[in-house]
Amino acid sequence: MYTIDNKDYPCCTSVTMKFIGGKWKAVILVYLLDKPKRYNEIRKLIPTITERTLSLQLKQLEEDGIINRRVYTKKPPLMVEYSLTDFGKTLLPVVNAITKWGIEASESSKKIIKKKVS
C-alpha cells in the first residue's frame, strides 16, 4: 500500500496513474517533451480537447509538480508558458514507452487507422 497526500494506492502502478492517468495528461506531456509551450500552442496541438479540460489537466499537472507554469507580465498581452519540471522529466521513459507501444499497436492492428491531422 502506498500513500500520497493522505490517499491510499494499492500498488505502484496506481501511483503512476495518479500522476499521468486520464485521457489527456500523457498527451500534454508528449507535447512538452521537446520545449516549453504556451497554452494556445498546446490547445492547437490537441484540437479535440476542450479549453476547460485543458485548463484542469494543466492545473493538476502543475499541482503534482510535473509541470511549471510561468507567467510573463512584462510585455502585454500576458503570456503563460508551460514546461516540464525536473520531476516531470523523470516521466520521459514512461511517456516514451507509452508512445512506442501506441505506434506498434496501431501498426499491427487492422482496427486502428492513423489519420493525418492538417
PDB file of N, CA and C in Angstrom:
ATOM      1  N   MET A   1       0.850  -1.179   0.000  1.00  0.00           N
ATOM      2  CA  MET A   1       0.000   0.000   0.000  1.00  0.00           C
ATOM      3  C   MET A   1       0.896   1.244   0.000  1.00  0.00           C
ATOM      4  N   TYR A   2       0.530   2.216  -0.815  1.00  0.00           N
ATOM      5  CA  TYR A   2       1.262   3.478  -0.926  1.00  0.00           C
ATOM      6  C   TYR A   2       0.315   4.614  -0.571  1.00  0.00           C
ATOM      7  N   THR A   3       0.830   5.622   0.108  1.00  0.00           N
ATOM      8  CA  THR A   3       0.007   6.762   0.494  1.00  0.00           C
ATOM      9  C   THR A   3       0.657   8.052   0.021  1.00  0.00           C
ATOM     10  N   ILE A   4      -0.125   8.865  -0.695  1.00  0.00           N
ATOM     11  CA  ILE A   4       0.312  10.186  -1.136  1.00  0.00           C
ATOM     12  C   ILE A   4      -0.793  11.165  -0.782  1.00  0.00           C
ATOM     13  N   ASP A   5      -0.427  12.228  -0.083  1.00  0.00           N
ATOM     14  CA  ASP A   5      -1.399  13.243   0.329  1.00  0.00           C
ATOM     15  C   ASP A   5      -2.607  12.626   1.020  1.00  0.00           C
ATOM     16  N   ASN A   6      -2.344  11.701   1.926  1.00  0.00           N
ATOM     17  CA  ASN A   6      -3.374  11.024   2.714  1.00  0.00           C
ATOM     18  C   ASN A   6      -4.341  10.180   1.886  1.00  0.00           C
ATOM     19  N   LYS A   7      -3.961   9.833   0.666  1.00  0.00           N
ATOM     20  CA  LYS A   7      -4.783   8.955  -0.161  1.00  0.00           C
ATOM     21  C   LYS A   7      -3.995   7.678  -0.409  1.00  0.00           C
ATOM     22  N   ASP A   8      -4.660   6.539  -0.207  1.00  0.00           N
ATOM     23  CA  ASP A   8      -4.004   5.241  -0.361  1.00  0.00           C
ATOM     24  C   ASP A   8      -4.114   4.731  -1.791  1.00  0.00           C
ATOM     25  N   TYR A   9      -3.031   4.102  -2.245  1.00  0.00           N
ATOM     26  CA  TYR A   9      -2.964   3.488  -3.566  1.00  0.00           C
ATOM     27  C   TYR A   9      -2.534   2.042  -3.383  1.00  0.00           C
ATOM     28  N   PRO A  10      -3.211   1.105  -4.047  1.00  0.00           N
ATOM     29  CA  PRO A  10      -2.926  -0.319  -3.815  1.00  0.00           C
ATOM     30  C   PRO A  10      -1.591  -0.810  -4.360  1.00  0.00           C
ATOM     31  N   CYS A  11      -1.040  -0.123  -5.375  1.00  0.00           N
ATOM     32  CA  CYS A  11       0.232  -0.568  -5.946  1.00  0.00           C
ATOM     33  C   CYS A  11       0.946   0.616  -6.592  1.00  0.00           C
ATOM     34  N   CYS A  12       2.193   0.400  -6.964  1.00  0.00           N
ATOM     35  CA  CYS A  12       2.973   1.484  -7.549  1.00  0.00           C
ATOM     36  C   CYS A  12       2.442   1.911  -8.921  1.00  0.00           C
ATOM     37  N   THR A  13       1.793   1.011  -9.646  1.00  0.00           N
ATOM     38  CA  THR A  13       1.188   1.387 -10.925  1.00  0.00           C
ATOM     39  C   THR A  13       0.089   2.417 -10.715  1.00  0.00           C
ATOM     40  N   SER A  14      -0.695   2.252  -9.673  1.00  0.00           N
ATOM     41  CA  SER A  14      -1.761   3.224  -9.399  1.00  0.00           C
ATOM     42  C   SER A  14      -1.178   4.576  -8.984  1.00  0.00           C
ATOM     43  N   VAL A  15      -0.002   4.568  -8.386  1.00  0.00           N
ATOM     44  CA  VAL A  15       0.679   5.824  -8.060  1.00  0.00           C
ATOM     45  C   VAL A  15       1.066   6.540  -9.360  1.00  0.00           C
ATOM     46  N   THR A  16       1.626   5.804 -10.306  1.00  0.00           N
ATOM     47  CA  THR A  16       1.987   6.391 -11.599  1.00  0.00           C
ATOM     48  C   THR A  16       0.754   6.966 -12.284  1.00  0.00           C
ATOM     49  N   MET A  17      -0.335   6.213 -12.277  1.00  0.00           N
ATOM     50  CA  MET A  17      -1.552   6.663 -12.942  1.00  0.00           C
ATOM     51  C   MET A  17      -2.175   7.869 -12.242  1.00  0.00           C
ATOM     52  N   LYS A  18      -1.902   8.034 -10.955  1.00  0.00           N
ATOM     53  CA  LYS A  18      -2.357   9.234 -10.249  1.00  0.00           C
ATOM     54  C   LYS A  18      -1.770  10.473 -10.910  1.00  0.00           C
ATOM     55  N   PHE A  19      -0.533  10.364 -11.354  1.00  0.00           N
ATOM     56  CA  PHE A  19       0.154  11.499 -11.960  1.00  0.00           C
ATOM     57  C   PHE A  19      -0.152  11.675 -13.448  1.00  0.00           C
ATOM     58  N   ILE A  20      -0.258  10.578 -14.199  1.00  0.00           N
ATOM     59  CA  ILE A  20      -0.419  10.725 -15.654  1.00  0.00           C
ATOM     60  C   ILE A  20      -1.689  10.081 -16.194  1.00  0.00           C
ATOM     61  N   GLY A  21      -2.559   9.598 -15.306  1.00  0.00           N
ATOM     62  CA  GLY A  21      -3.773   8.930 -15.749  1.00  0.00           C
ATOM     63  C   GLY A  21      -4.766   9.885 -16.388  1.00  0.00           C
ATOM     64  N   GLY A  22      -5.734   9.319 -17.045  1.00  0.00           N
ATOM     65  CA  GLY A  22      -6.741  10.113 -17.730  1.00  0.00           C
ATOM     66  C   GLY A  22      -6.440  10.196 -19.213  1.00  0.00           C
ATOM     67  N   LYS A  23      -7.354  10.798 -19.922  1.00  0.00           N
ATOM     68  CA  LYS A  23      -7.263  10.824 -21.380  1.00  0.00           C
ATOM     69  C   LYS A  23      -6.196  11.773 -21.909  1.00  0.00           C
ATOM     70  N   TRP A  24      -5.894  12.857 -21.180  1.00  0.00           N
ATOM     71  CA  TRP A  24      -5.092  13.926 -21.773  1.00  0.00           C
ATOM     72  C   TRP A  24      -3.735  14.189 -21.149  1.00  0.00           C
ATOM     73  N   LYS A  25      -3.494  13.788 -19.922  1.00  0.00           N
ATOM     74  CA  LYS A  25      -2.235  14.159 -19.263  1.00  0.00           C
ATOM     75  C   LYS A  25      -1.004  13.662 -20.011  1.00  0.00           C
ATOM     76  N   ALA A  26      -0.998  12.410 -20.412  1.00  0.00           N
ATOM     77  CA  ALA A  26       0.164  11.877 -21.137  1.00  0.00           C
ATOM     78  C   ALA A  26       0.336  12.583 -22.480  1.00  0.00           C
ATOM     79  N   VAL A  27      -0.781  12.932 -23.116  1.00  0.00           N
ATOM     80  CA  VAL A  27      -0.717  13.638 -24.401  1.00  0.00           C
ATOM     81  C   VAL A  27      -0.086  15.017 -24.202  1.00  0.00           C
ATOM     82  N   ILE A  28      -0.503  15.710 -23.165  1.00  0.00           N
ATOM     83  CA  ILE A  28       0.074  17.021 -22.854  1.00  0.00           C
ATOM     84  C   ILE A  28       1.574  16.887 -22.620  1.00  0.00           C
ATOM     85  N   LEU A  29       1.973  15.868 -21.859  1.00  0.00           N
ATOM     86  CA  LEU A  29       3.390  15.662 -21.567  1.00  0.00           C
ATOM     87  C   LEU A  29       4.195  15.391 -22.831  1.00  0.00           C
ATOM     88  N   VAL A  30       3.624  14.638 -23.768  1.00  0.00           N
ATOM     89  CA  VAL A  30       4.315  14.370 -25.033  1.00  0.00           C
ATOM     90  C   VAL A  30       4.644  15.683 -25.736  1.00  0.00           C
ATOM     91  N   TYR A  31       3.706  16.613 -25.734  1.00  0.00           N
ATOM     92  CA  TYR A  31       3.926  17.881 -26.425  1.00  0.00           C
ATOM     93  C   TYR A  31       4.868  18.820 -25.683  1.00  0.00           C
ATOM     94  N   LEU A  32       5.098  18.555 -24.407  1.00  0.00           N
ATOM     95  CA  LEU A  32       6.041  19.383 -23.643  1.00  0.00           C
ATOM     96  C   LEU A  32       7.443  18.780 -23.593  1.00  0.00           C
ATOM     97  N   LEU A  33       7.631  17.615 -24.204  1.00  0.00           N
ATOM     98  CA  LEU A  33       8.936  16.940 -24.153  1.00  0.00           C
ATOM     99  C   LEU A  33      10.047  17.757 -24.797  1.00  0.00           C
ATOM    100  N   ASP A  34       9.778  18.337 -25.948  1.00  0.00           N
ATOM    101  CA  ASP A  34      10.855  18.998 -26.688  1.00  0.00           C
ATOM    102  C   ASP A  34      11.172  20.403 -26.206  1.00  0.00           C
ATOM    103  N   LYS A  35      10.134  21.162 -25.823  1.00  0.00           N
ATOM    104  CA  LYS A  35      10.373  22.536 -25.357  1.00  0.00           C
ATOM    105  C   LYS A  35       9.120  23.072 -24.676  1.00  0.00           C
ATOM    106  N   PRO A  36       9.263  24.147 -23.904  1.00  0.00           N
ATOM    107  CA  PRO A  36       8.087  24.768 -23.280  1.00  0.00           C
ATOM    108  C   PRO A  36       7.106  25.262 -24.340  1.00  0.00           C
ATOM    109  N   LYS A  37       5.837  25.272 -23.955  1.00  0.00           N
ATOM    110  CA  LYS A  37       4.807  25.722 -24.890  1.00  0.00           C
ATOM    111  C   LYS A  37       3.801  26.619 -24.170  1.00  0.00           C
ATOM    112  N   ARG A  38       3.231  27.533 -24.947  1.00  0.00           N
ATOM    113  CA  ARG A  38       2.171  28.379 -24.431  1.00  0.00           C
ATOM    114  C   ARG A  38       0.848  27.609 -24.469  1.00  0.00           C
ATOM    115  N   TYR A  39      -0.106  28.097 -23.691  1.00  0.00           N
ATOM    116  CA  TYR A  39      -1.422  27.458 -23.609  1.00  0.00           C
ATOM    117  C   TYR A  39      -2.018  27.268 -25.006  1.00  0.00           C
ATOM    118  N   ASN A  40      -2.022  28.330 -25.808  1.00  0.00           N
ATOM    119  CA  ASN A  40      -2.631  28.251 -27.137  1.00  0.00           C
ATOM    120  C   ASN A  40      -1.900  27.284 -28.059  1.00  0.00           C
ATOM    121  N   GLU A  41      -0.599  27.135 -27.888  1.00  0.00           N
ATOM    122  CA  GLU A  41       0.149  26.159 -28.682  1.00  0.00           C
ATOM    123  C   GLU A  41      -0.325  24.737 -28.357  1.00  0.00           C
ATOM    124  N   ILE A  42      -0.478  24.462 -27.067  1.00  0.00           N
ATOM    125  CA  ILE A  42      -0.942  23.146 -26.633  1.00  0.00           C
ATOM    126  C   ILE A  42      -2.362  22.912 -27.146  1.00  0.00           C
ATOM    127  N   ARG A  43      -3.189  23.921 -27.035  1.00  0.00           N
ATOM    128  CA  ARG A  43      -4.590  23.827 -27.490  1.00  0.00           C
ATOM    129  C   ARG A  43      -4.657  23.489 -28.975  1.00  0.00           C
ATOM    130  N   LYS A  44      -3.803  24.098 -29.786  1.00  0.00           N
ATOM    131  CA  LYS A  44      -3.789  23.826 -31.225  1.00  0.00           C
ATOM    132  C   LYS A  44      -3.277  22.421 -31.534  1.00  0.00           C
ATOM    133  N   LEU A  45      -2.353  21.925 -30.722  1.00  0.00           N
ATOM    134  CA  LEU A  45      -1.810  20.588 -30.929  1.00  0.00           C
ATOM    135  C   LEU A  45      -2.813  19.490 -30.570  1.00  0.00           C
ATOM    136  N   ILE A  46      -3.751  19.820 -29.677  1.00  0.00           N
ATOM    137  CA  ILE A  46      -4.769  18.855 -29.244  1.00  0.00           C
ATOM    138  C   ILE A  46      -6.143  19.463 -29.530  1.00  0.00           C
ATOM    139  N   PRO A  47      -6.564  19.506 -30.786  1.00  0.00           N
ATOM    140  CA  PRO A  47      -7.795  20.223 -31.143  1.00  0.00           C
ATOM    141  C   PRO A  47      -9.074  19.637 -30.555  1.00  0.00           C
ATOM    142  N   THR A  48      -9.060  18.371 -30.144  1.00  0.00           N
ATOM    143  CA  THR A  48     -10.285  17.760 -29.616  1.00  0.00           C
ATOM    144  C   THR A  48     -10.472  17.952 -28.116  1.00  0.00           C
ATOM    145  N   ILE A  49      -9.509  18.563 -27.441  1.00  0.00           N
ATOM    146  CA  ILE A  49      -9.640  18.821 -26.008  1.00  0.00           C
ATOM    147  C   ILE A  49     -10.381  20.142 -25.809  1.00  0.00           C
ATOM    148  N   THR A  50     -11.261  20.183 -24.819  1.00  0.00           N
ATOM    149  CA  THR A  50     -11.957  21.435 -24.532  1.00  0.00           C
ATOM    150  C   THR A  50     -11.042  22.356 -23.736  1.00  0.00           C
ATOM    151  N   GLU A  51     -11.311  23.640 -23.787  1.00  0.00           N
ATOM    152  CA  GLU A  51     -10.495  24.598 -23.033  1.00  0.00           C
ATOM    153  C   GLU A  51     -10.571  24.312 -21.535  1.00  0.00           C
ATOM    154  N   ARG A  52     -11.747  23.978 -21.058  1.00  0.00           N
ATOM    155  CA  ARG A  52     -11.931  23.683 -19.632  1.00  0.00           C
ATOM    156  C   ARG A  52     -11.089  22.474 -19.220  1.00  0.00           C
ATOM    157  N   THR A  53     -11.158  21.415 -20.017  1.00  0.00           N
ATOM    158  CA  THR A  53     -10.404  20.205 -19.701  1.00  0.00           C
ATOM    159  C   THR A  53      -8.909  20.470 -19.745  1.00  0.00           C
ATOM    160  N   LEU A  54      -8.447  21.197 -20.763  1.00  0.00           N
ATOM    161  CA  LEU A  54      -7.022  21.514 -20.848  1.00  0.00           C
ATOM    162  C   LEU A  54      -6.580  22.306 -19.624  1.00  0.00           C
ATOM    163  N   SER A  55      -7.354  23.294 -19.244  1.00  0.00           N
ATOM    164  CA  SER A  55      -7.013  24.097 -18.064  1.00  0.00           C
ATOM    165  C   SER A  55      -6.943  23.240 -16.804  1.00  0.00           C
ATOM    166  N   LEU A  56      -7.915  22.351 -16.636  1.00  0.00           N
ATOM    167  CA  LEU A  56      -7.928  21.478 -15.456  1.00  0.00           C
ATOM    168  C   LEU A  56      -6.745  20.515 -15.441  1.00  0.00           C
ATOM    169  N   GLN A  57      -6.430  19.928 -16.595  1.00  0.00           N
ATOM    170  CA  GLN A  57      -5.319  18.985 -16.674  1.00  0.00           C
ATOM    171  C   GLN A  57      -3.988  19.679 -16.406  1.00  0.00           C
ATOM    172  N   LEU A  58      -3.816  20.875 -16.974  1.00  0.00           N
ATOM    173  CA  LEU A  58      -2.593  21.641 -16.724  1.00  0.00           C
ATOM    174  C   LEU A  58      -2.471  21.995 -15.245  1.00  0.00           C
ATOM    175  N   LYS A  59      -3.582  22.381 -14.644  1.00  0.00           N
ATOM    176  CA  LYS A  59      -3.570  22.734 -13.216  1.00  0.00           C
ATOM    177  C   LYS A  59      -3.195  21.523 -12.362  1.00  0.00           C
ATOM    178  N   GLN A  60      -3.750  20.348 -12.680  1.00  0.00           N
ATOM    179  CA  GLN A  60      -3.429  19.130 -11.927  1.00  0.00           C
ATOM    180  C   GLN A  60      -1.961  18.749 -12.098  1.00  0.00           C
ATOM    181  N   LEU A  61      -1.467  18.840 -13.315  1.00  0.00           N
ATOM    182  CA  LEU A  61      -0.055  18.523 -13.558  1.00  0.00           C
ATOM    183  C   LEU A  61       0.861  19.492 -12.815  1.00  0.00           C
ATOM    184  N   GLU A  62       0.454  20.747 -12.747  1.00  0.00           N
ATOM    185  CA  GLU A  62       1.236  21.733 -12.005  1.00  0.00           C
ATOM    186  C   GLU A  62       1.195  21.445 -10.501  1.00  0.00           C
ATOM    187  N   GLU A  63       0.004  21.155  -9.972  1.00  0.00           N
ATOM    188  CA  GLU A  63      -0.140  20.849  -8.547  1.00  0.00           C
ATOM    189  C   GLU A  63       0.655  19.613  -8.145  1.00  0.00           C
ATOM    190  N   ASP A  64       0.774  18.663  -9.070  1.00  0.00           N
ATOM    191  CA  ASP A  64       1.527  17.437  -8.793  1.00  0.00           C
ATOM    192  C   ASP A  64       3.026  17.604  -9.010  1.00  0.00           C
ATOM    193  N   GLY A  65       3.456  18.795  -9.421  1.00  0.00           N
ATOM    194  CA  GLY A  65       4.873  19.059  -9.600  1.00  0.00           C
ATOM    195  C   GLY A  65       5.462  18.511 -10.890  1.00  0.00           C
ATOM    196  N   ILE A  66       4.597  18.174 -11.847  1.00  0.00           N
ATOM    197  CA  ILE A  66       5.054  17.602 -13.115  1.00  0.00           C
ATOM    198  C   ILE A  66       5.443  18.707 -14.097  1.00  0.00           C
ATOM    199  N   ILE A  67       4.693  19.803 -14.089  1.00  0.00           N
ATOM    200  CA  ILE A  67       4.987  20.909 -15.000  1.00  0.00           C
ATOM    201  C   ILE A  67       5.113  22.220 -14.227  1.00  0.00           C
ATOM    202  N   ASN A  68       5.833  23.150 -14.840  1.00  0.00           N
ATOM    203  CA  ASN A  68       5.936  24.529 -14.351  1.00  0.00           C
ATOM    204  C   ASN A  68       4.993  25.404 -15.152  1.00  0.00           C
ATOM    205  N   ARG A  69       4.411  26.366 -14.496  1.00  0.00           N
ATOM    206  CA  ARG A  69       3.609  27.384 -15.163  1.00  0.00           C
ATOM    207  C   ARG A  69       4.303  28.712 -14.932  1.00  0.00           C
ATOM    208  N   ARG A  70       4.744  29.328 -16.012  1.00  0.00           N
ATOM    209  CA  ARG A  70       5.473  30.590 -15.891  1.00  0.00           C
ATOM    210  C   ARG A  70       4.668  31.696 -16.573  1.00  0.00           C
ATOM    211  N   VAL A  71       4.417  32.751 -15.821  1.00  0.00           N
ATOM    212  CA  VAL A  71       3.636  33.874 -16.330  1.00  0.00           C
ATOM    213  C   VAL A  71       4.581  35.027 -16.641  1.00  0.00           C
ATOM    214  N   TYR A  72       4.509  35.509 -17.867  1.00  0.00           N
ATOM    215  CA  TYR A  72       5.295  36.666 -18.292  1.00  0.00           C
ATOM    216  C   TYR A  72       4.366  37.879 -18.294  1.00  0.00           C
ATOM    217  N   THR A  73       4.702  38.861 -17.458  1.00  0.00           N
ATOM    218  CA  THR A  73       3.836  40.034 -17.344  1.00  0.00           C
ATOM    219  C   THR A  73       4.487  41.305 -17.874  1.00  0.00           C
ATOM    220  N   LYS A  74       5.724  41.225 -18.276  1.00  0.00           N
ATOM    221  CA  LYS A  74       6.453  42.447 -18.680  1.00  0.00           C
ATOM    222  C   LYS A  74       5.938  43.047 -19.974  1.00  0.00           C
ATOM    223  N   LYS A  75       5.512  42.207 -20.915  1.00  0.00           N
ATOM    224  CA  LYS A  75       5.027  42.784 -22.154  1.00  0.00           C
ATOM    225  C   LYS A  75       3.589  42.321 -22.418  1.00  0.00           C
ATOM    226  N   PRO A  76       2.711  43.257 -22.657  1.00  0.00           N
ATOM    227  CA  PRO A  76       1.345  42.858 -22.968  1.00  0.00           C
ATOM    228  C   PRO A  76       1.291  42.222 -24.348  1.00  0.00           C
ATOM    229  N   PRO A  77       0.402  41.309 -24.634  1.00  0.00           N
ATOM    230  CA  PRO A  77      -0.524  40.721 -23.673  1.00  0.00           C
ATOM    231  C   PRO A  77       0.176  39.705 -22.773  1.00  0.00           C
ATOM    232  N   LEU A  78      -0.476  39.382 -21.684  1.00  0.00           N
ATOM    233  CA  LEU A  78       0.031  38.408 -20.727  1.00  0.00           C
ATOM    234  C   LEU A  78       0.323  37.088 -21.435  1.00  0.00           C
ATOM    235  N   MET A  79       1.458  36.485 -21.120  1.00  0.00           N
ATOM    236  CA  MET A  79       1.818  35.211 -21.732  1.00  0.00           C
ATOM    237  C   MET A  79       2.100  34.184 -20.640  1.00  0.00           C
ATOM    238  N   VAL A  80       1.555  32.981 -20.808  1.00  0.00           N
ATOM    239  CA  VAL A  80       1.773  31.889 -19.875  1.00  0.00           C
ATOM    240  C   VAL A  80       2.419  30.742 -20.643  1.00  0.00           C
ATOM    241  N   GLU A  81       3.488  30.204 -20.063  1.00  0.00           N
ATOM    242  CA  GLU A  81       4.236  29.132 -20.711  1.00  0.00           C
ATOM    243  C   GLU A  81       4.333  27.941 -19.766  1.00  0.00           C
ATOM    244  N   TYR A  82       4.216  26.745 -20.322  1.00  0.00           N
ATOM    245  CA  TYR A  82       4.290  25.518 -19.538  1.00  0.00           C
ATOM    246  C   TYR A  82       5.515  24.719 -19.952  1.00  0.00           C
ATOM    247  N   SER A  83       6.176  24.123 -18.968  1.00  0.00           N
ATOM    248  CA  SER A  83       7.347  23.292 -19.232  1.00  0.00           C
ATOM    249  C   SER A  83       7.408  22.175 -18.200  1.00  0.00           C
ATOM    250  N   LEU A  84       8.184  21.157 -18.510  1.00  0.00           N
ATOM    251  CA  LEU A  84       8.365  20.055 -17.568  1.00  0.00           C
ATOM    252  C   LEU A  84       9.295  20.470 -16.432  1.00  0.00           C
ATOM    253  N   THR A  85       8.986  20.047 -15.234  1.00  0.00           N
ATOM    254  CA  THR A  85       9.890  20.235 -14.102  1.00  0.00           C
ATOM    255  C   THR A  85      10.933  19.114 -14.162  1.00  0.00           C
ATOM    256  N   ASP A  86      11.922  19.178 -13.300  1.00  0.00           N
ATOM    257  CA  ASP A  86      12.888  18.080 -13.215  1.00  0.00           C
ATOM    258  C   ASP A  86      12.176  16.781 -12.846  1.00  0.00           C
ATOM    259  N   PHE A  87      11.206  16.875 -11.938  1.00  0.00           N
ATOM    260  CA  PHE A  87      10.406  15.702 -11.548  1.00  0.00           C
ATOM    261  C   PHE A  87       9.607  15.209 -12.750  1.00  0.00           C
ATOM    262  N   GLY A  88       9.032  16.123 -13.519  1.00  0.00           N
ATOM    263  CA  GLY A  88       8.281  15.753 -14.719  1.00  0.00           C
ATOM    264  C   GLY A  88       9.147  15.068 -15.752  1.00  0.00           C
ATOM    265  N   LYS A  89      10.404  15.495 -15.857  1.00  0.00           N
ATOM    266  CA  LYS A  89      11.320  14.879 -16.820  1.00  0.00           C
ATOM    267  C   LYS A  89      11.629  13.421 -16.481  1.00  0.00           C
ATOM    268  N   THR A  90      11.436  13.034 -15.220  1.00  0.00           N
ATOM    269  CA  THR A  90      11.647  11.633 -14.851  1.00  0.00           C
ATOM    270  C   THR A  90      10.590  10.733 -15.484  1.00  0.00           C
ATOM    271  N   LEU A  91       9.511  11.326 -15.998  1.00  0.00           N
ATOM    272  CA  LEU A  91       8.461  10.563 -16.675  1.00  0.00           C
ATOM    273  C   LEU A  91       8.783  10.284 -18.147  1.00  0.00           C
ATOM    274  N   LEU A  92       9.881  10.850 -18.654  1.00  0.00           N
ATOM    275  CA  LEU A  92      10.227  10.676 -20.067  1.00  0.00           C
ATOM    276  C   LEU A  92      10.255   9.203 -20.500  1.00  0.00           C
ATOM    277  N   PRO A  93      10.908   8.310 -19.753  1.00  0.00           N
ATOM    278  CA  PRO A  93      10.905   6.906 -20.180  1.00  0.00           C
ATOM    279  C   PRO A  93       9.497   6.310 -20.220  1.00  0.00           C
ATOM    280  N   VAL A  94       8.658   6.708 -19.292  1.00  0.00           N
ATOM    281  CA  VAL A  94       7.279   6.200 -19.241  1.00  0.00           C
ATOM    282  C   VAL A  94       6.499   6.695 -20.452  1.00  0.00           C
ATOM    283  N   VAL A  95       6.566   7.988 -20.720  1.00  0.00           N
ATOM    284  CA  VAL A  95       5.841   8.581 -21.848  1.00  0.00           C
ATOM    285  C   VAL A  95       6.371   8.022 -23.164  1.00  0.00           C
ATOM    286  N   ASN A  96       7.678   7.871 -23.275  1.00  0.00           N
ATOM    287  CA  ASN A  96       8.254   7.288 -24.493  1.00  0.00           C
ATOM    288  C   ASN A  96       7.804   5.836 -24.691  1.00  0.00           C
ATOM    289  N   ALA A  97       7.714   5.076 -23.607  1.00  0.00           N
ATOM    290  CA  ALA A  97       7.255   3.683 -23.703  1.00  0.00           C
ATOM    291  C   ALA A  97       5.784   3.623 -24.121  1.00  0.00           C
ATOM    292  N   ILE A  98       4.957   4.512 -23.581  1.00  0.00           N
ATOM    293  CA  ILE A  98       3.545   4.566 -23.967  1.00  0.00           C
ATOM    294  C   ILE A  98       3.423   4.920 -25.444  1.00  0.00           C
ATOM    295  N   THR A  99       4.219   5.896 -25.885  1.00  0.00           N
ATOM    296  CA  THR A  99       4.199   6.316 -27.286  1.00  0.00           C
ATOM    297  C   THR A  99       4.628   5.167 -28.201  1.00  0.00           C
ATOM    298  N   LYS A 100       5.706   4.494 -27.843  1.00  0.00           N
ATOM    299  CA  LYS A 100       6.212   3.372 -28.645  1.00  0.00           C
ATOM    300  C   LYS A 100       5.171   2.266 -28.737  1.00  0.00           C
ATOM    301  N   TRP A 101       4.544   1.949 -27.622  1.00  0.00           N
ATOM    302  CA  TRP A 101       3.527   0.901 -27.614  1.00  0.00           C
ATOM    303  C   TRP A 101       2.354   1.303 -28.513  1.00  0.00           C
ATOM    304  N   GLY A 102       1.948   2.560 -28.462  1.00  0.00           N
ATOM    305  CA  GLY A 102       0.853   3.040 -29.302  1.00  0.00           C
ATOM    306  C   GLY A 102       1.166   2.930 -30.784  1.00  0.00           C
ATOM    307  N   ILE A 103       2.395   3.261 -31.144  1.00  0.00           N
ATOM    308  CA  ILE A 103       2.821   3.140 -32.543  1.00  0.00           C
ATOM    309  C   ILE A 103       2.779   1.677 -32.980  1.00  0.00           C
ATOM    310  N   GLU A 104       3.342   0.799 -32.159  1.00  0.00           N
ATOM    311  CA  GLU A 104       3.367  -0.623 -32.503  1.00  0.00           C
ATOM    312  C   GLU A 104       1.960  -1.204 -32.577  1.00  0.00           C
ATOM    313  N   ALA A 105       1.098  -0.810 -31.650  1.00  0.00           N
ATOM    314  CA  ALA A 105      -0.276  -1.312 -31.652  1.00  0.00           C
ATOM    315  C   ALA A 105      -1.027  -0.832 -32.881  1.00  0.00           C
ATOM    316  N   SER A 106      -0.815   0.418 -33.263  1.00  0.00           N
ATOM    317  CA  SER A 106      -1.520   0.945 -34.428  1.00  0.00           C
ATOM    318  C   SER A 106      -1.026   0.317 -35.718  1.00  0.00           C
ATOM    319  N   GLU A 107       0.249  -0.039 -35.767  1.00  0.00           N
ATOM    320  CA  GLU A 107       0.797  -0.666 -36.969  1.00  0.00           C
ATOM    321  C   GLU A 107       0.398  -2.132 -37.088  1.00  0.00           C
ATOM    322  N   SER A 108       0.179  -2.793 -35.963  1.00  0.00           N
ATOM    323  CA  SER A 108      -0.134  -4.220 -36.006  1.00  0.00           C
ATOM    324  C   SER A 108      -1.636  -4.507 -35.988  1.00  0.00           C
ATOM    325  N   SER A 109      -2.438  -3.507 -35.730  1.00  0.00           N
ATOM    326  CA  SER A 109      -3.882  -3.709 -35.645  1.00  0.00           C
ATOM    327  C   SER A 109      -4.572  -3.214 -36.901  1.00  0.00           C
ATOM    328  N   LYS A 110      -5.462  -4.030 -37.416  1.00  0.00           N
ATOM    329  CA  LYS A 110      -6.227  -3.609 -38.583  1.00  0.00           C
ATOM    330  C   LYS A 110      -7.396  -2.713 -38.187  1.00  0.00           C
ATOM    331  N   LYS A 111      -7.658  -2.616 -36.905  1.00  0.00           N
ATOM    332  CA  LYS A 111      -8.773  -1.804 -36.425  1.00  0.00           C
ATOM    333  C   LYS A 111      -8.377  -0.344 -36.236  1.00  0.00           C
ATOM    334  N   ILE A 112      -7.087  -0.075 -36.092  1.00  0.00           N
ATOM    335  CA  ILE A 112      -6.618   1.280 -35.846  1.00  0.00           C
ATOM    336  C   ILE A 112      -6.152   1.893 -37.149  1.00  0.00           C
ATOM    337  N   ILE A 113      -6.683   3.039 -37.472  1.00  0.00           N
ATOM    338  CA  ILE A 113      -6.310   3.729 -38.694  1.00  0.00           C
ATOM    339  C   ILE A 113      -5.692   5.062 -38.311  1.00  0.00           C
ATOM    340  N   LYS A 114      -4.466   5.281 -38.754  1.00  0.00           N
ATOM    341  CA  LYS A 114      -3.781   6.530 -38.454  1.00  0.00           C
ATOM    342  C   LYS A 114      -4.283   7.607 -39.410  1.00  0.00           C
ATOM    343  N   LYS A 115      -4.765   8.695 -38.832  1.00  0.00           N
ATOM    344  CA  LYS A 115      -5.238   9.811 -39.639  1.00  0.00           C
ATOM    345  C   LYS A 115      -4.230  10.932 -39.554  1.00  0.00           C
ATOM    346  N   LYS A 116      -4.004  11.593 -40.662  1.00  0.00           N
ATOM    347  CA  LYS A 116      -3.128  12.758 -40.664  1.00  0.00           C
ATOM    348  C   LYS A 116      -3.934  13.976 -40.266  1.00  0.00           C
ATOM    349  N   VAL A 117      -3.380  14.753 -39.354  1.00  0.00           N
ATOM    350  CA  VAL A 117      -4.017  15.995 -38.929  1.00  0.00           C
ATOM    351  C   VAL A 117      -3.411  17.129 -39.727  1.00  0.00           C
ATOM    352  N   SER A 118      -4.261  17.927 -40.327  1.00  0.00           N
ATOM    353  CA  SER A 118      -3.733  19.032 -41.141  1.00  0.00           C
ATOM    354  C   SER A 118      -3.655  20.313 -40.358  1.00  0.00           C
TER     355      SER A 118
END
